[in-house]
N, C-alpha and C. Protein backbone atom coordinates (compact mmCIF):
# COMPACT_ATOMS: atom_id res chain seq x y z
N THR A 1 144.71 4.89 128.85
CA THR A 1 143.87 6.65 127.67
C THR A 1 143.49 7.30 128.46
N ASN A 2 142.52 8.83 128.66
CA ASN A 2 141.70 9.17 130.18
C ASN A 2 141.51 10.51 128.93
N ARG A 3 140.57 10.58 129.31
CA ARG A 3 139.20 11.31 128.37
C ARG A 3 139.44 12.68 127.28
N PHE A 4 140.63 12.63 128.39
CA PHE A 4 140.96 14.94 128.27
C PHE A 4 141.90 14.12 126.85
N THR A 5 142.52 13.29 126.32
CA THR A 5 144.08 12.81 125.26
C THR A 5 142.59 12.07 124.05
N VAL A 6 141.91 11.32 124.97
CA VAL A 6 140.94 10.47 123.57
C VAL A 6 140.27 11.70 122.67
N HIS A 7 140.15 13.11 123.68
CA HIS A 7 139.58 14.24 122.72
C HIS A 7 140.13 14.94 122.02
N LEU A 8 141.18 15.31 122.11
CA LEU A 8 142.67 16.02 121.77
C LEU A 8 142.93 14.65 120.14
N ARG A 9 142.33 13.73 120.54
CA ARG A 9 142.69 13.41 118.80
C ARG A 9 141.51 13.19 118.84
N GLN A 10 140.67 13.74 119.00
CA GLN A 10 139.59 13.25 117.69
C GLN A 10 139.68 14.96 116.96
N ILE A 11 140.19 15.95 117.72
CA ILE A 11 140.04 17.67 117.23
C ILE A 11 141.22 17.32 116.25
N ALA A 12 141.94 17.14 116.88
CA ALA A 12 143.16 16.63 115.91
C ALA A 12 143.18 16.49 114.32
N THR A 13 142.00 14.65 114.18
CA THR A 13 141.76 14.76 112.85
C THR A 13 140.60 15.18 112.04
N THR A 14 140.26 16.19 113.09
CA THR A 14 139.18 17.40 112.12
C THR A 14 139.81 17.98 111.79
N TYR A 15 140.52 18.50 112.11
CA TYR A 15 141.26 19.53 111.46
C TYR A 15 142.78 18.79 110.75
N LEU A 16 142.61 17.95 110.90
CA LEU A 16 143.98 16.90 109.83
C LEU A 16 142.86 17.33 108.42
N VAL A 17 141.84 16.58 108.52
CA VAL A 17 140.44 16.64 107.29
C VAL A 17 140.16 18.20 106.78
N ILE A 18 141.01 19.17 107.66
CA ILE A 18 140.14 20.26 107.49
C ILE A 18 140.83 21.50 106.23
N LEU A 19 142.59 21.07 106.59
CA LEU A 19 144.80 21.02 106.24
C LEU A 19 144.18 20.13 104.72
N ILE A 20 143.33 19.51 104.47
CA ILE A 20 143.44 18.32 103.69
C ILE A 20 142.93 18.50 102.57
N VAL A 21 141.48 18.94 103.03
CA VAL A 21 139.71 18.71 101.74
C VAL A 21 140.22 20.17 102.06
N ALA A 22 139.50 21.49 103.19
CA ALA A 22 139.78 22.65 102.82
C ALA A 22 140.18 23.17 101.47
N PRO A 23 142.05 22.87 101.23
CA PRO A 23 142.10 24.37 100.23
C PRO A 23 141.53 23.75 98.77
N SER A 24 141.17 22.94 99.01
CA SER A 24 140.40 22.10 97.58
C SER A 24 139.09 23.21 97.63
N HIS A 25 138.83 23.52 98.96
CA HIS A 25 136.73 23.09 98.55
C HIS A 25 136.93 24.34 98.51
N PRO A 26 135.61 24.55 97.47
CA PRO A 26 135.39 25.99 96.54
C PRO A 26 134.79 27.54 97.31
N ASN A 27 134.53 27.12 98.89
CA ASN A 27 133.98 27.68 99.29
C ASN A 27 134.61 28.38 100.22
N CYS A 28 136.12 27.35 100.58
CA CYS A 28 137.07 27.44 101.43
C CYS A 28 138.38 28.32 99.79
N ARG A 29 137.97 29.35 99.72
CA ARG A 29 139.37 29.45 98.77
C ARG A 29 139.34 31.22 99.40
N ALA A 30 138.38 32.01 100.45
CA ALA A 30 138.90 32.93 100.82
C ALA A 30 139.58 33.05 102.55
N ILE A 31 139.58 33.60 102.88
CA ILE A 31 140.05 33.86 103.93
C ILE A 31 138.67 33.28 104.50
N GLY A 32 137.76 34.60 104.81
CA GLY A 32 136.33 34.50 105.61
C GLY A 32 135.32 32.35 105.30
N GLY A 33 136.40 32.15 104.03
CA GLY A 33 135.19 30.59 104.14
C GLY A 33 136.03 30.01 104.52
N GLY A 34 137.11 29.58 104.49
CA GLY A 34 138.04 29.00 105.29
C GLY A 34 137.18 29.27 106.79
N ARG A 35 137.76 30.59 107.53
CA ARG A 35 136.97 30.09 108.60
C ARG A 35 135.40 29.95 109.51
N THR A 36 134.34 30.36 107.90
CA THR A 36 134.19 29.71 108.25
C THR A 36 133.45 28.18 108.54
N TRP A 37 133.67 27.38 107.82
CA TRP A 37 133.72 25.90 106.87
C TRP A 37 134.71 26.01 108.26
N ALA A 38 135.48 25.88 109.26
CA ALA A 38 136.61 25.53 110.32
C ALA A 38 135.75 25.82 111.68
N THR A 39 135.00 26.76 111.60
CA THR A 39 133.86 26.27 112.94
C THR A 39 133.58 26.23 112.55
N VAL A 40 132.12 25.70 111.67
CA VAL A 40 131.51 24.83 110.90
C VAL A 40 132.21 23.26 111.29
N ALA A 41 133.14 22.80 110.52
CA ALA A 41 133.94 21.69 110.78
C ALA A 41 133.28 21.26 112.54
N THR A 42 134.26 22.11 113.11
CA THR A 42 134.07 22.65 115.39
C THR A 42 133.19 22.23 115.75
N LEU A 43 132.57 23.14 115.20
CA LEU A 43 130.58 23.06 116.01
C LEU A 43 130.27 21.59 115.69
N LEU A 44 130.74 21.34 114.29
CA LEU A 44 130.16 19.26 114.91
C LEU A 44 130.53 18.31 115.39
N GLN A 45 132.12 19.13 115.30
CA GLN A 45 132.89 17.25 115.64
C GLN A 45 132.66 17.48 117.06
N THR A 46 132.20 18.86 117.49
CA THR A 46 132.00 18.74 119.45
C THR A 46 130.33 18.75 119.62
N CYS A 47 129.29 18.12 118.04
CA CYS A 47 128.26 17.91 118.48
C CYS A 47 128.95 15.80 118.70
N LYS A 48 129.56 15.57 118.36
CA LYS A 48 130.37 13.88 118.17
C LYS A 48 130.94 13.84 119.46
N MET A 49 131.45 14.53 119.98
CA MET A 49 132.17 14.36 121.06
C MET A 49 131.84 14.50 122.43
N ASN A 50 130.00 15.15 121.83
CA ASN A 50 129.36 15.28 123.21
C ASN A 50 127.63 13.88 123.19
N GLY A 51 128.29 13.43 122.16
CA GLY A 51 127.17 12.49 121.76
C GLY A 51 125.63 12.67 120.99
N VAL A 52 126.04 13.66 120.45
CA VAL A 52 124.52 14.90 119.88
C VAL A 52 124.60 13.76 118.04
N ASP A 53 124.17 14.25 118.13
CA ASP A 53 123.84 13.96 116.13
C ASP A 53 124.22 15.31 115.54
N PRO A 54 124.60 15.50 115.25
CA PRO A 54 124.92 16.63 114.38
C PRO A 54 123.99 17.07 113.29
N LEU A 55 123.20 16.28 113.14
CA LEU A 55 122.49 16.26 111.91
C LEU A 55 121.05 17.13 112.84
N ASP A 56 120.49 15.72 113.81
CA ASP A 56 119.96 16.04 114.84
C ASP A 56 119.97 18.13 115.35
N TRP A 57 121.38 18.23 116.09
CA TRP A 57 121.51 19.36 116.59
C TRP A 57 121.23 20.65 115.63
N LEU A 58 122.41 20.44 113.92
CA LEU A 58 122.20 21.10 113.23
C LEU A 58 120.83 21.75 113.06
N SER A 59 119.41 21.48 112.92
CA SER A 59 118.62 21.56 112.55
C SER A 59 117.67 21.98 113.62
N GLN A 60 117.73 21.68 114.99
CA GLN A 60 116.97 22.64 116.70
C GLN A 60 117.54 23.08 115.72
N THR A 61 118.77 23.90 115.81
CA THR A 61 119.64 25.58 116.43
C THR A 61 118.99 25.76 114.92
N LEU A 62 119.43 25.42 113.82
CA LEU A 62 118.64 26.69 113.06
C LEU A 62 117.32 27.16 112.31
N THR A 63 115.96 26.11 112.93
CA THR A 63 115.06 26.30 113.26
C THR A 63 115.03 27.64 114.38
N ARG A 64 114.86 27.05 115.50
CA ARG A 64 115.35 28.28 116.58
C ARG A 64 115.98 29.40 116.23
N ILE A 65 116.92 29.30 115.33
CA ILE A 65 117.00 31.10 115.56
C ILE A 65 115.93 31.59 113.93
N ALA A 66 115.63 30.62 112.75
CA ALA A 66 115.38 31.07 112.38
C ALA A 66 113.66 31.86 113.07
N GLN A 67 113.63 31.73 113.88
CA GLN A 67 111.99 31.81 115.18
C GLN A 67 112.37 32.67 116.17
N GLY A 68 113.69 33.49 115.24
CA GLY A 68 113.51 33.68 116.60
C GLY A 68 114.33 34.39 117.74
N TRP A 69 115.19 33.27 118.07
CA TRP A 69 115.94 32.25 119.55
C TRP A 69 116.92 33.93 119.83
N PRO A 70 117.02 34.18 120.91
CA PRO A 70 116.62 35.08 121.64
C PRO A 70 118.62 35.17 121.44
N ALA A 71 119.73 36.64 121.23
CA ALA A 71 120.84 36.37 121.34
C ALA A 71 121.18 36.03 122.84
N SER A 72 120.60 37.22 123.85
CA SER A 72 121.67 36.53 125.21
C SER A 72 121.56 35.44 125.48
N GLU A 73 120.61 34.66 124.75
CA GLU A 73 119.82 31.99 124.97
C GLU A 73 120.89 32.03 124.17
N ILE A 74 121.95 32.85 123.25
CA ILE A 74 122.87 32.22 122.88
C ILE A 74 123.26 29.88 122.77
N GLU A 75 123.85 30.12 124.57
CA GLU A 75 124.86 29.85 125.82
C GLU A 75 124.18 28.19 124.52
N ALA A 76 122.37 28.62 125.26
CA ALA A 76 121.15 27.80 125.33
C ALA A 76 121.02 25.85 124.21
N LEU A 77 122.10 26.58 122.88
CA LEU A 77 122.00 26.00 122.01
C LEU A 77 122.97 25.69 121.36
N MET A 78 123.89 25.17 122.44
CA MET A 78 125.65 25.08 121.78
C MET A 78 125.57 23.28 121.77
N PRO A 79 126.72 22.18 121.34
CA PRO A 79 125.51 21.00 121.55
C PRO A 79 125.61 20.50 122.41
N TRP A 80 126.36 21.03 123.96
CA TRP A 80 126.90 20.35 124.93
C TRP A 80 125.47 20.32 126.58
N ASN A 81 124.58 21.06 125.04
CA ASN A 81 122.91 21.80 126.28
C ASN A 81 122.33 21.24 124.88
N PHE A 82 122.40 20.79 124.20
CA PHE A 82 121.53 20.39 122.97
C PHE A 82 120.55 18.99 123.86
N ARG A 83 119.10 19.21 123.62
CA ARG A 83 118.28 17.67 123.78
C ARG A 83 117.19 16.96 123.28
N SER A 84 117.15 17.16 122.47
CA SER A 84 116.82 16.71 120.60
C SER A 84 114.97 16.05 121.49
N ASP A 85 114.95 15.86 122.84
CA ASP A 85 113.77 16.12 123.15
C ASP A 85 113.01 17.76 123.71
N ALA A 86 113.41 18.45 123.39
CA ALA A 86 112.66 19.41 123.33
C ALA A 86 112.39 20.21 122.27
N VAL A 87 110.58 20.79 122.48
CA VAL A 87 110.16 21.29 121.88
C VAL A 87 110.69 22.35 120.65
N SER A 88 111.44 22.41 119.28
CA SER A 88 112.02 23.52 118.88
C SER A 88 110.43 24.64 118.98
């Protein structure tokens, strides 16, 4: 099995969980809430696929945003660019 196929399986599993769990989740009863939940789930799965601890990535990213991270450098906050030893 190649790496691409493995990633597709992981993504499919994530979306299957979303389809099963999301309808009963209180924040997903509105279309916007469901989209937000799906976006967060996708970002967390992207962390896992890139060997990044989702909690570490989310903590660092939210800290940087709260500290006024420039929108022009948003790419640096993506999970595939995460460095746990980086200064917040």
